[in-house]
PDB file of N, CA and C in Angstrom:
ATOM      1  N   MET A   1       7.657  -1.918  15.847  1.00  0.00           N
ATOM      2  CA  MET A   1       9.482  -3.123  15.174  1.00  0.00           C
ATOM      3  C   MET A   1       9.368  -3.683  14.468  1.00  0.00           C
ATOM      4  N   TYR A   2      10.275  -3.669  13.119  1.00  0.00           N
ATOM      5  CA  TYR A   2       9.848  -4.717  12.277  1.00  0.00           C
ATOM      6  C   TYR A   2      10.824  -5.490  12.478  1.00  0.00           C
ATOM      7  N   LEU A   3      10.736  -6.542  12.711  1.00  0.00           N
ATOM      8  CA  LEU A   3      11.799  -7.797  12.213  1.00  0.00           C
ATOM      9  C   LEU A   3      12.396  -8.349  11.262  1.00  0.00           C
ATOM     10  N   ALA A   4      11.351  -8.775  10.605  1.00  0.00           N
ATOM     11  CA  ALA A   4      11.616  -8.788   8.923  1.00  0.00           C
ATOM     12  C   ALA A   4      11.015  -7.949   8.071  1.00  0.00           C
ATOM     13  N   GLY A   5      11.830  -7.390   6.504  1.00  0.00           N
ATOM     14  CA  GLY A   5      10.617  -7.278   5.498  1.00  0.00           C
ATOM     15  C   GLY A   5      10.211  -5.742   6.016  1.00  0.00           C
ATOM     16  N   HIS A   6       9.845  -5.192   5.837  1.00  0.00           N
ATOM     17  CA  HIS A   6       8.324  -3.684   5.749  1.00  0.00           C
ATOM     18  C   HIS A   6       7.101  -3.960   5.041  1.00  0.00           C
ATOM     19  N   ARG A   7       5.622  -3.769   5.947  1.00  0.00           N
ATOM     20  CA  ARG A   7       4.714  -3.872   5.445  1.00  0.00           C
ATOM     21  C   ARG A   7       4.656  -2.794   4.027  1.00  0.00           C
ATOM     22  N   ASN A   8       4.896  -2.064   3.726  1.00  0.00           N
ATOM     23  CA  ASN A   8       4.900  -1.119   2.737  1.00  0.00           C
ATOM     24  C   ASN A   8       5.567  -1.631   1.759  1.00  0.00           C
ATOM     25  N   GLN A   9       6.387  -2.647   1.997  1.00  0.00           N
ATOM     26  CA  GLN A   9       7.391  -3.078   0.486  1.00  0.00           C
ATOM     27  C   GLN A   9       6.988  -4.552   0.132  1.00  0.00           C
ATOM     28  N   PRO A  10       6.785  -4.913  -0.719  1.00  0.00           N
ATOM     29  CA  PRO A  10       6.567  -6.706  -1.365  1.00  0.00           C
ATOM     30  C   PRO A  10       7.797  -7.140  -0.628  1.00  0.00           C
ATOM     31  N   GLY A  11       6.512  -8.205  -0.624  1.00  0.00           N
ATOM     32  CA  GLY A  11       7.213  -9.586   0.306  1.00  0.00           C
ATOM     33  C   GLY A  11       6.969  -9.382   1.681  1.00  0.00           C
ATOM     34  N   PHE A  12       7.604 -10.940   2.530  1.00  0.00           N
ATOM     35  CA  PHE A  12       7.156 -11.077   3.552  1.00  0.00           C
ATOM     36  C   PHE A  12       7.727 -10.102   4.424  1.00  0.00           C
ATOM     37  N   PHE A  13       6.912 -10.197   5.442  1.00  0.00           N
ATOM     38  CA  PHE A  13       7.014  -9.012   6.400  1.00  0.00           C
ATOM     39  C   PHE A  13       6.673  -9.797   8.242  1.00  0.00           C
ATOM     40  N   ILE A  14       7.108  -9.541   9.555  1.00  0.00           N
ATOM     41  CA  ILE A  14       7.119  -9.719  10.444  1.00  0.00           C
ATOM     42  C   ILE A  14       6.996  -8.448  11.741  1.00  0.00           C
ATOM     43  N   GLU A  15       6.530  -7.912  12.224  1.00  0.00           N
ATOM     44  CA  GLU A  15       6.515  -6.339  12.785  1.00  0.00           C
ATOM     45  C   GLU A  15       6.416  -6.949  14.311  1.00  0.00           C
ATOM     46  N   ARG A  16       6.474  -6.550  15.564  1.00  0.00           N
ATOM     47  CA  ARG A  16       6.513  -6.211  16.366  1.00  0.00           C
ATOM     48  C   ARG A  16       5.883  -5.071  17.281  1.00  0.00           C
ATOM     49  N   TYR A  17       4.400  -5.134  18.160  1.00  0.00           N
ATOM     50  CA  TYR A  17       3.906  -4.274  18.977  1.00  0.00           C
ATOM     51  C   TYR A  17       3.954  -4.511  20.431  1.00  0.00           C
ATOM     52  N   VAL A  18       4.350  -2.671  20.919  1.00  0.00           N
ATOM     53  CA  VAL A  18       3.572  -3.015  22.252  1.00  0.00           C
ATOM     54  C   VAL A  18       2.397  -2.436  22.302  1.00  0.00           C
ATOM     55  N   PHE A  19       1.288  -2.624  22.359  1.00  0.00           N
ATOM     56  CA  PHE A  19       0.027  -1.423  22.725  1.00  0.00           C
ATOM     57  C   PHE A  19       0.420  -1.755  24.742  1.00  0.00           C
ATOM     58  N   PRO A  20      -0.251  -0.023  24.500  1.00  0.00           N
ATOM     59  CA  PRO A  20      -0.182   0.031  26.234  1.00  0.00           C
ATOM     60  C   PRO A  20      -1.693   0.149  26.683  1.00  0.00           C
ATOM     61  N   PRO A  21      -2.260  -0.416  27.885  1.00  0.00           N
ATOM     62  CA  PRO A  21      -3.542  -0.487  28.478  1.00  0.00           C
ATOM     63  C   PRO A  21      -4.600   0.811  28.151  1.00  0.00           C
ATOM     64  N   GLY A  22      -5.341   0.440  27.419  1.00  0.00           N
ATOM     65  CA  GLY A  22      -6.483   1.282  27.127  1.00  0.00           C
ATOM     66  C   GLY A  22      -6.242   2.096  25.540  1.00  0.00           C
ATOM     67  N   TYR A  23      -5.048   1.010  24.889  1.00  0.00           N
ATOM     68  CA  TYR A  23      -5.287   1.704  23.134  1.00  0.00           C
ATOM     69  C   TYR A  23      -6.508   1.221  22.479  1.00  0.00           C
ATOM     70  N   LYS A  24      -7.128   1.897  21.730  1.00  0.00           N
ATOM     71  CA  LYS A  24      -7.769   1.416  20.427  1.00  0.00           C
ATOM     72  C   LYS A  24      -7.907   1.764  19.267  1.00  0.00           C
ATOM     73  N   GLY A  25      -8.143   1.020  18.531  1.00  0.00           N
ATOM     74  CA  GLY A  25      -7.781   0.501  16.998  1.00  0.00           C
ATOM     75  C   GLY A  25      -8.985   0.603  16.428  1.00  0.00           C
ATOM     76  N   MET A  26      -9.573   1.834  16.031  1.00  0.00           N
ATOM     77  CA  MET A  26     -11.036   2.278  15.221  1.00  0.00           C
ATOM     78  C   MET A  26     -10.936   1.120  14.470  1.00  0.00           C
ATOM     79  N   PRO A  27     -11.929   0.506  13.675  1.00  0.00           N
ATOM     80  CA  PRO A  27     -12.540  -0.483  12.660  1.00  0.00           C
ATOM     81  C   PRO A  27     -11.742   0.372  11.322  1.00  0.00           C
ATOM     82  N   HIS A  28     -10.990  -0.743  10.916  1.00  0.00           N
ATOM     83  CA  HIS A  28     -10.192  -0.523   9.729  1.00  0.00           C
ATOM     84  C   HIS A  28      -9.905  -2.143   8.762  1.00  0.00           C
ATOM     85  N   VAL A  29      -9.999  -1.552   7.740  1.00  0.00           N
ATOM     86  CA  VAL A  29      -9.480  -3.265   6.933  1.00  0.00           C
ATOM     87  C   VAL A  29      -8.348  -3.197   6.883  1.00  0.00           C
ATOM     88  N   HIS A  30      -7.892  -3.855   5.771  1.00  0.00           N
ATOM     89  CA  HIS A  30      -6.475  -4.505   5.275  1.00  0.00           C
ATOM     90  C   HIS A  30      -6.517  -4.824   4.209  1.00  0.00           C
ATOM     91  N   ASN A  31      -5.402  -4.662   2.664  1.00  0.00           N
ATOM     92  CA  ASN A  31      -5.892  -5.127   1.698  1.00  0.00           C
ATOM     93  C   ASN A  31      -4.896  -6.558   1.265  1.00  0.00           C
ATOM     94  N   SER A  32      -4.433  -6.851   2.495  1.00  0.00           N
ATOM     95  CA  SER A  32      -4.240  -9.017   2.254  1.00  0.00           C
ATOM     96  C   SER A  32      -4.777  -9.130   3.573  1.00  0.00           C
ATOM     97  N   ASP A  33      -4.440 -10.981   3.988  1.00  0.00           N
ATOM     98  CA  ASP A  33      -4.523 -11.043   4.994  1.00  0.00           C
ATOM     99  C   ASP A  33      -3.054 -10.769   6.347  1.00  0.00           C
ATOM    100  N   LEU A  34      -3.605 -11.129   7.226  1.00  0.00           N
ATOM    101  CA  LEU A  34      -2.066 -10.294   8.204  1.00  0.00           C
ATOM    102  C   LEU A  34      -2.343 -11.778   9.047  1.00  0.00           C
ATOM    103  N   TYR A  35      -1.637 -12.564   9.693  1.00  0.00           N
ATOM    104  CA  TYR A  35      -1.768 -13.248  10.795  1.00  0.00           C
ATOM    105  C   TYR A  35      -0.866 -12.620  12.250  1.00  0.00           C
ATOM    106  N   VAL A  36      -1.863 -12.648  12.819  1.00  0.00           N
ATOM    107  CA  VAL A  36      -1.561 -11.952  14.086  1.00  0.00           C
ATOM    108  C   VAL A  36      -1.270 -12.978  15.531  1.00  0.00           C
ATOM    109  N   THR A  37       0.308 -13.214  16.365  1.00  0.00           N
ATOM    110  CA  THR A  37       0.123 -14.291  17.817  1.00  0.00           C
ATOM    111  C   THR A  37       0.339 -12.908  18.552  1.00  0.00           C
ATOM    112  N   ILE A  38      -0.510 -13.335  19.666  1.00  0.00           N
ATOM    113  CA  ILE A  38      -0.289 -12.908  21.371  1.00  0.00           C
ATOM    114  C   ILE A  38       0.994 -12.898  21.750  1.00  0.00           C
ATOM    115  N   LEU A  39       2.045 -12.680  22.400  1.00  0.00           N
ATOM    116  CA  LEU A  39       2.989 -12.790  23.024  1.00  0.00           C
ATOM    117  C   LEU A  39       2.954 -12.765  23.924  1.00  0.00           C
ATOM    118  N   SER A  40       2.318 -12.038  24.764  1.00  0.00           N
ATOM    119  CA  SER A  40       2.192 -11.407  26.480  1.00  0.00           C
ATOM    120  C   SER A  40       0.899 -10.301  26.267  1.00  0.00           C
ATOM    121  N   GLY A  41       0.338 -10.924  27.611  1.00  0.00           N
ATOM    122  CA  GLY A  41      -0.871  -9.662  27.502  1.00  0.00           C
ATOM    123  C   GLY A  41      -2.152  -9.823  26.943  1.00  0.00           C
ATOM    124  N   SER A  42      -2.663  -9.524  26.627  1.00  0.00           N
ATOM    125  CA  SER A  42      -4.648  -9.641  26.163  1.00  0.00           C
ATOM    126  C   SER A  42      -4.489  -8.426  24.962  1.00  0.00           C
ATOM    127  N   ALA A  43      -5.155  -8.735  24.463  1.00  0.00           N
ATOM    128  CA  ALA A  43      -6.192  -8.471  22.790  1.00  0.00           C
ATOM    129  C   ALA A  43      -7.268  -8.766  22.663  1.00  0.00           C
ATOM    130  N   HIS A  44      -8.330  -7.368  22.648  1.00  0.00           N
ATOM    131  CA  HIS A  44      -9.840  -8.312  22.001  1.00  0.00           C
ATOM    132  C   HIS A  44      -9.440  -7.514  20.649  1.00  0.00           C
ATOM    133  N   ILE A  45     -10.077  -8.665  20.293  1.00  0.00           N
ATOM    134  CA  ILE A  45      -9.255  -8.456  18.730  1.00  0.00           C
ATOM    135  C   ILE A  45     -11.319  -8.772  18.280  1.00  0.00           C
ATOM    136  N   VAL A  46     -12.292  -7.944  17.322  1.00  0.00           N
ATOM    137  CA  VAL A  46     -13.770  -7.663  17.124  1.00  0.00           C
ATOM    138  C   VAL A  46     -13.094  -7.803  15.651  1.00  0.00           C
ATOM    139  N   MET A  47     -13.940  -8.821  14.741  1.00  0.00           N
ATOM    140  CA  MET A  47     -14.145  -8.485  12.910  1.00  0.00           C
ATOM    141  C   MET A  47     -15.754  -8.014  12.894  1.00  0.00           C
ATOM    142  N   ASP A  48     -15.184  -6.532  12.833  1.00  0.00           N
ATOM    143  CA  ASP A  48     -17.329  -5.800  13.063  1.00  0.00           C
ATOM    144  C   ASP A  48     -16.353  -4.778  12.501  1.00  0.00           C
ATOM    145  N   LYS A  49     -17.602  -3.882  11.619  1.00  0.00           N
ATOM    146  CA  LYS A  49     -17.252  -2.726  11.290  1.00  0.00           C
ATOM    147  C   LYS A  49     -17.649  -1.013  12.398  1.00  0.00           C
ATOM    148  N   ILE A  50     -18.574  -2.068  13.621  1.00  0.00           N
ATOM    149  CA  ILE A  50     -19.008  -0.729  14.061  1.00  0.00           C
ATOM    150  C   ILE A  50     -18.126  -0.942  15.957  1.00  0.00           C
ATOM    151  N   PHE A  51     -17.743   0.116  16.406  1.00  0.00           N
ATOM    152  CA  PHE A  51     -16.988  -0.449  17.209  1.00  0.00           C
ATOM    153  C   PHE A  51     -17.340  -0.271  18.407  1.00  0.00           C
ATOM    154  N   ASP A  52     -17.544  -1.090  19.515  1.00  0.00           N
ATOM    155  CA  ASP A  52     -18.286  -1.388  20.629  1.00  0.00           C
ATOM    156  C   ASP A  52     -17.769  -2.134  21.257  1.00  0.00           C
ATOM    157  N   THR A  53     -17.078  -1.687  22.519  1.00  0.00           N
ATOM    158  CA  THR A  53     -16.038  -1.896  23.779  1.00  0.00           C
ATOM    159  C   THR A  53     -17.623  -2.629  24.939  1.00  0.00           C
ATOM    160  N   THR A  54     -18.374  -2.767  24.172  1.00  0.00           N
ATOM    161  CA  THR A  54     -19.346  -2.770  25.480  1.00  0.00           C
ATOM    162  C   THR A  54     -19.519  -4.318  25.715  1.00  0.00           C
ATOM    163  N   ILE A  55     -19.276  -4.999  24.234  1.00  0.00           N
ATOM    164  CA  ILE A  55     -19.839  -6.687  24.147  1.00  0.00           C
ATOM    165  C   ILE A  55     -19.257  -7.017  24.593  1.00  0.00           C
ATOM    166  N   ALA A  56     -19.685  -8.684  24.460  1.00  0.00           N
ATOM    167  CA  ALA A  56     -18.707  -9.661  25.343  1.00  0.00           C
ATOM    168  C   ALA A  56     -17.445 -10.359  24.398  1.00  0.00           C
ATOM    169  N   ALA A  57     -16.819  -8.876  23.988  1.00  0.00           N
ATOM    170  CA  ALA A  57     -15.914  -9.713  22.904  1.00  0.00           C
ATOM    171  C   ALA A  57     -14.829 -11.037  23.878  1.00  0.00           C
ATOM    172  N   MET A  58     -13.904 -11.492  23.159  1.00  0.00           N
ATOM    173  CA  MET A  58     -13.006 -12.697  24.159  1.00  0.00           C
ATOM    174  C   MET A  58     -11.690 -11.825  24.003  1.00  0.00           C
ATOM    175  N   ALA A  59     -11.210 -12.803  24.932  1.00  0.00           N
ATOM    176  CA  ALA A  59     -10.086 -11.408  25.172  1.00  0.00           C
ATOM    177  C   ALA A  59      -9.009 -12.859  24.539  1.00  0.00           C
ATOM    178  N   TYR A  60      -7.591 -12.474  24.008  1.00  0.00           N
ATOM    179  CA  TYR A  60      -6.789 -13.481  22.974  1.00  0.00           C
ATOM    180  C   TYR A  60      -5.626 -13.528  23.975  1.00  0.00           C
ATOM    181  N   GLY A  61      -5.327 -13.965  24.607  1.00  0.00           N
ATOM    182  CA  GLY A  61      -3.976 -14.334  25.294  1.00  0.00           C
ATOM    183  C   GLY A  61      -2.419 -14.919  25.212  1.00  0.00           C
ATOM    184  N   PRO A  62      -1.945 -14.737  25.631  1.00  0.00           N
ATOM    185  CA  PRO A  62      -0.471 -15.172  25.029  1.00  0.00           C
ATOM    186  C   PRO A  62      -0.569 -16.782  24.111  1.00  0.00           C
ATOM    187  N   GLY A  63      -0.158 -16.545  23.150  1.00  0.00           N
ATOM    188  CA  GLY A  63      -0.106 -17.888  22.340  1.00  0.00           C
ATOM    189  C   GLY A  63      -1.399 -17.463  21.412  1.00  0.00           C
ATOM    190  N   SER A  64      -1.710 -17.200  21.346  1.00  0.00           N
ATOM    191  CA  SER A  64      -2.936 -17.051  20.952  1.00  0.00           C
ATOM    192  C   SER A  64      -3.543 -16.644  19.086  1.00  0.00           C
ATOM    193  N   TYR A  65      -2.947 -16.912  17.914  1.00  0.00           N
ATOM    194  CA  TYR A  65      -3.257 -16.505  16.724  1.00  0.00           C
ATOM    195  C   TYR A  65      -4.301 -16.480  16.021  1.00  0.00           C
ATOM    196  N   VAL A  66      -4.584 -15.275  15.492  1.00  0.00           N
ATOM    197  CA  VAL A  66      -5.794 -15.042  14.978  1.00  0.00           C
ATOM    198  C   VAL A  66      -5.496 -14.743  13.479  1.00  0.00           C
ATOM    199  N   VAL A  67      -6.434 -14.655  12.461  1.00  0.00           N
ATOM    200  CA  VAL A  67      -6.023 -14.581  11.034  1.00  0.00           C
ATOM    201  C   VAL A  67      -6.935 -13.887  10.629  1.00  0.00           C
ATOM    202  N   ILE A  68      -6.499 -12.465  10.277  1.00  0.00           N
ATOM    203  CA  ILE A  68      -7.269 -11.332  10.162  1.00  0.00           C
ATOM    204  C   ILE A  68      -7.195 -11.029   8.218  1.00  0.00           C
ATOM    205  N   LYS A  69      -8.397 -11.553   7.720  1.00  0.00           N
ATOM    206  CA  LYS A  69      -7.925 -11.784   6.322  1.00  0.00           C
ATOM    207  C   LYS A  69      -8.194 -10.290   5.759  1.00  0.00           C
ATOM    208  N   ALA A  70      -7.676 -10.613   4.402  1.00  0.00           N
ATOM    209  CA  ALA A  70      -7.872  -8.798   3.568  1.00  0.00           C
ATOM    210  C   ALA A  70      -9.831  -8.263   3.572  1.00  0.00           C
ATOM    211  N   ASP A  71      -9.520  -7.461   3.720  1.00  0.00           N
ATOM    212  CA  ASP A  71     -10.821  -6.704   3.446  1.00  0.00           C
ATOM    213  C   ASP A  71     -11.648  -7.275   4.691  1.00  0.00           C
ATOM    214  N   GLN A  72     -11.511  -7.657   5.532  1.00  0.00           N
ATOM    215  CA  GLN A  72     -12.179  -8.255   6.109  1.00  0.00           C
ATOM    216  C   GLN A  72     -12.200  -6.415   7.693  1.00  0.00           C
ATOM    217  N   PRO A  73     -13.055  -5.964   7.711  1.00  0.00           N
ATOM    218  CA  PRO A  73     -14.148  -5.072   9.123  1.00  0.00           C
ATOM    219  C   PRO A  73     -13.138  -5.805  10.360  1.00  0.00           C
ATOM    220  N   HIS A  74     -12.397  -5.183  11.150  1.00  0.00           N
ATOM    221  CA  HIS A  74     -12.453  -4.940  12.645  1.00  0.00           C
ATOM    222  C   HIS A  74     -11.296  -4.506  13.163  1.00  0.00           C
ATOM    223  N   TYR A  75     -11.656  -4.032  14.467  1.00  0.00           N
ATOM    224  CA  TYR A  75     -11.214  -3.029  15.046  1.00  0.00           C
ATOM    225  C   TYR A  75     -10.007  -4.092  16.776  1.00  0.00           C
ATOM    226  N   GLU A  76      -9.107  -3.745  17.615  1.00  0.00           N
ATOM    227  CA  GLU A  76      -9.032  -3.838  18.456  1.00  0.00           C
ATOM    228  C   GLU A  76      -9.443  -3.075  19.969  1.00  0.00           C
ATOM    229  N   TRP A  77      -8.538  -3.708  21.052  1.00  0.00           N
ATOM    230  CA  TRP A  77      -8.670  -2.604  22.521  1.00  0.00           C
ATOM    231  C   TRP A  77      -7.701  -3.356  23.126  1.00  0.00           C
ATOM    232  N   PHE A  78      -7.333  -2.662  23.858  1.00  0.00           N
ATOM    233  CA  PHE A  78      -6.110  -3.594  24.472  1.00  0.00           C
ATOM    234  C   PHE A  78      -6.566  -3.039  26.052  1.00  0.00           C
ATOM    235  N   THR A  79      -6.831  -3.641  27.591  1.00  0.00           N
ATOM    236  CA  THR A  79      -7.541  -3.544  28.378  1.00  0.00           C
ATOM    237  C   THR A  79      -5.798  -3.224  29.459  1.00  0.00           C
ATOM    238  N   GLU A  80      -5.004  -3.898  28.824  1.00  0.00           N
ATOM    239  CA  GLU A  80      -3.280  -4.533  30.077  1.00  0.00           C
ATOM    240  C   GLU A  80      -2.581  -3.975  28.769  1.00  0.00           C
ATOM    241  N   GLU A  81      -1.203  -4.221  28.407  1.00  0.00           N
ATOM    242  CA  GLU A  81       0.661  -3.923  27.708  1.00  0.00           C
ATOM    243  C   GLU A  81      -0.314  -5.128  27.399  1.00  0.00           C
ATOM    244  N   CYS A  82       0.094  -5.114  25.867  1.00  0.00           N
ATOM    245  CA  CYS A  82       0.245  -6.560  24.644  1.00  0.00           C
ATOM    246  C   CYS A  82       1.095  -6.518  24.116  1.00  0.00           C
ATOM    247  N   THR A  83       1.935  -7.220  24.141  1.00  0.00           N
ATOM    248  CA  THR A  83       3.045  -7.226  23.246  1.00  0.00           C
ATOM    249  C   THR A  83       2.311  -8.381  21.586  1.00  0.00           C
ATOM    250  N   MET A  84       2.612  -7.935  20.684  1.00  0.00           N
ATOM    251  CA  MET A  84       1.625  -8.530  19.432  1.00  0.00           C
ATOM    252  C   MET A  84       2.823  -8.752  18.561  1.00  0.00           C
ATOM    253  N   GLN A  85       2.940  -9.700  17.669  1.00  0.00           N
ATOM    254  CA  GLN A  85       3.389 -10.383  16.671  1.00  0.00           C
ATOM    255  C   GLN A  85       2.485 -10.265  15.118  1.00  0.00           C
ATOM    256  N   VAL A  86       2.477  -9.200  14.068  1.00  0.00           N
ATOM    257  CA  VAL A  86       2.194  -9.569  13.284  1.00  0.00           C
ATOM    258  C   VAL A  86       3.128  -9.863  11.878  1.00  0.00           C
ATOM    259  N   SER A  87       2.803 -10.837  10.993  1.00  0.00           N
ATOM    260  CA  SER A  87       3.103 -11.146   9.765  1.00  0.00           C
ATOM    261  C   SER A  87       2.090 -11.595   8.742  1.00  0.00           C
ATOM    262  N   GLY A  88       2.717 -10.767   7.548  1.00  0.00           N
ATOM    263  CA  GLY A  88       1.854 -10.827   6.247  1.00  0.00           C
ATOM    264  C   GLY A  88       2.876 -10.220   5.504  1.00  0.00           C
ATOM    265  N   ILE A  89       1.874 -10.541   3.657  1.00  0.00           N
ATOM    266  CA  ILE A  89       3.127 -10.225   2.364  1.00  0.00           C
ATOM    267  C   ILE A  89       2.302  -8.763   2.415  1.00  0.00           C
ATOM    268  N   GLY A  90       4.006  -8.004   1.729  1.00  0.00           N
ATOM    269  CA  GLY A  90       3.209  -6.664   1.720  1.00  0.00           C
ATOM    270  C   GLY A  90       3.330  -6.820  -0.381  1.00  0.00           C
ATOM    271  N   PRO A  91       3.142  -5.030  -0.183  1.00  0.00           N
ATOM    272  CA  PRO A  91       2.817  -4.361   0.399  1.00  0.00           C
ATOM    273  C   PRO A  91       1.675  -4.527   0.993  1.00  0.00           C
ATOM    274  N   ASN A  92       1.450  -4.187   2.536  1.00  0.00           N
ATOM    275  CA  ASN A  92       0.106  -4.236   2.887  1.00  0.00           C
ATOM    276  C   ASN A  92      -0.163  -2.866   3.753  1.00  0.00           C
ATOM    277  N   GLU A  93      -1.957  -2.282   3.288  1.00  0.00           N
ATOM    278  CA  GLU A  93      -2.135  -1.360   3.628  1.00  0.00           C
ATOM    279  C   GLU A  93      -3.089  -1.509   4.494  1.00  0.00           C
ATOM    280  N   THR A  94      -3.448  -0.056   5.722  1.00  0.00           N
ATOM    281  CA  THR A  94      -4.106  -0.068   6.249  1.00  0.00           C
ATOM    282  C   THR A  94      -5.987   1.039   6.222  1.00  0.00           C
ATOM    283  N   TYR A  95      -6.965   0.804   5.833  1.00  0.00           N
ATOM    284  CA  TYR A  95      -7.950   1.386   5.453  1.00  0.00           C
ATOM    285  C   TYR A  95      -9.211   1.675   6.512  1.00  0.00           C
ATOM    286  N   TYR A  96      -9.068   2.595   7.036  1.00  0.00           N
ATOM    287  CA  TYR A  96     -10.040   3.077   8.438  1.00  0.00           C
ATOM    288  C   TYR A  96     -11.510   3.404   7.438  1.00  0.00           C
ATOM    289  N   LEU A  97     -11.983   2.493   8.549  1.00  0.00           N
ATOM    290  CA  LEU A  97     -14.014   3.126   7.627  1.00  0.00           C
ATOM    291  C   LEU A  97     -14.234   4.357   8.454  1.00  0.00           C
ATOM    292  N   PRO A  98     -15.375   4.756   7.920  1.00  0.00           N
ATOM    293  CA  PRO A  98     -15.875   6.024   7.945  1.00  0.00           C
ATOM    294  C   PRO A  98     -16.018   6.077   9.660  1.00  0.00           C
ATOM    295  N   GLU A  99     -16.053   7.627  10.303  1.00  0.00           N
ATOM    296  CA  GLU A  99     -16.147   7.628  11.324  1.00  0.00           C
ATOM    297  C   GLU A  99     -17.427   7.294  12.313  1.00  0.00           C
ATOM    298  N   ASN A 100     -18.433   7.267  11.096  1.00  0.00           N
ATOM    299  CA  ASN A 100     -20.694   7.517  11.388  1.00  0.00           C
ATOM    300  C   ASN A 100     -20.225   5.941  11.525  1.00  0.00           C
ATOM    301  N   GLU A 101     -19.012   4.932  11.072  1.00  0.00           N
ATOM    302  CA  GLU A 101     -19.972   3.409  11.245  1.00  0.00           C
ATOM    303  C   GLU A 101     -19.414   3.172  12.554  1.00  0.00           C
ATOM    304  N   ILE A 102     -18.712   3.947  13.435  1.00  0.00           N
ATOM    305  CA  ILE A 102     -18.442   3.839  14.880  1.00  0.00           C
ATOM    306  C   ILE A 102     -19.495   3.974  16.037  1.00  0.00           C
ATOM    307  N   ARG A 103     -20.019   2.998  16.665  1.00  0.00           N
ATOM    308  CA  ARG A 103     -21.253   2.970  17.556  1.00  0.00           C
ATOM    309  C   ARG A 103     -20.509   4.201  18.909  1.00  0.00           C
ATOM    310  N   LYS A 104     -21.033   5.119  18.745  1.00  0.00           N
ATOM    311  CA  LYS A 104     -20.551   5.610  19.735  1.00  0.00           C
ATOM    312  C   LYS A 104     -21.716   5.487  21.332  1.00  0.00           C
ATOM    313  N   LYS A 105     -20.518   5.324  22.631  1.00  0.00           N
ATOM    314  CA  LYS A 105     -20.960   4.681  23.925  1.00  0.00           C
ATOM    315  C   LYS A 105     -20.895   5.531  24.752  1.00  0.00           C
TER     316      LYS A 105
END
């Protein structure tokens, strides 16, 4: 849900997402910085290009703030419902990394 602006348009935007338990965001990058605040639940956000949920990744809980820099490979997964607010300067695009960079477990 967009609260202000739109990530595909020039200028500031704010959006809110609700991710279900079990959702996985495969490794990807963005062309501009994103600013993430966890509003409820928790999210595992890892700055790496190889997807691996077996690592001991920190779970970011309510009130956590994460900056994802432009071109920083990262991925996320959720073990419980999570409401996340994301802001940045558009246009902001997402580029998924090649499948061969995903570690199969």
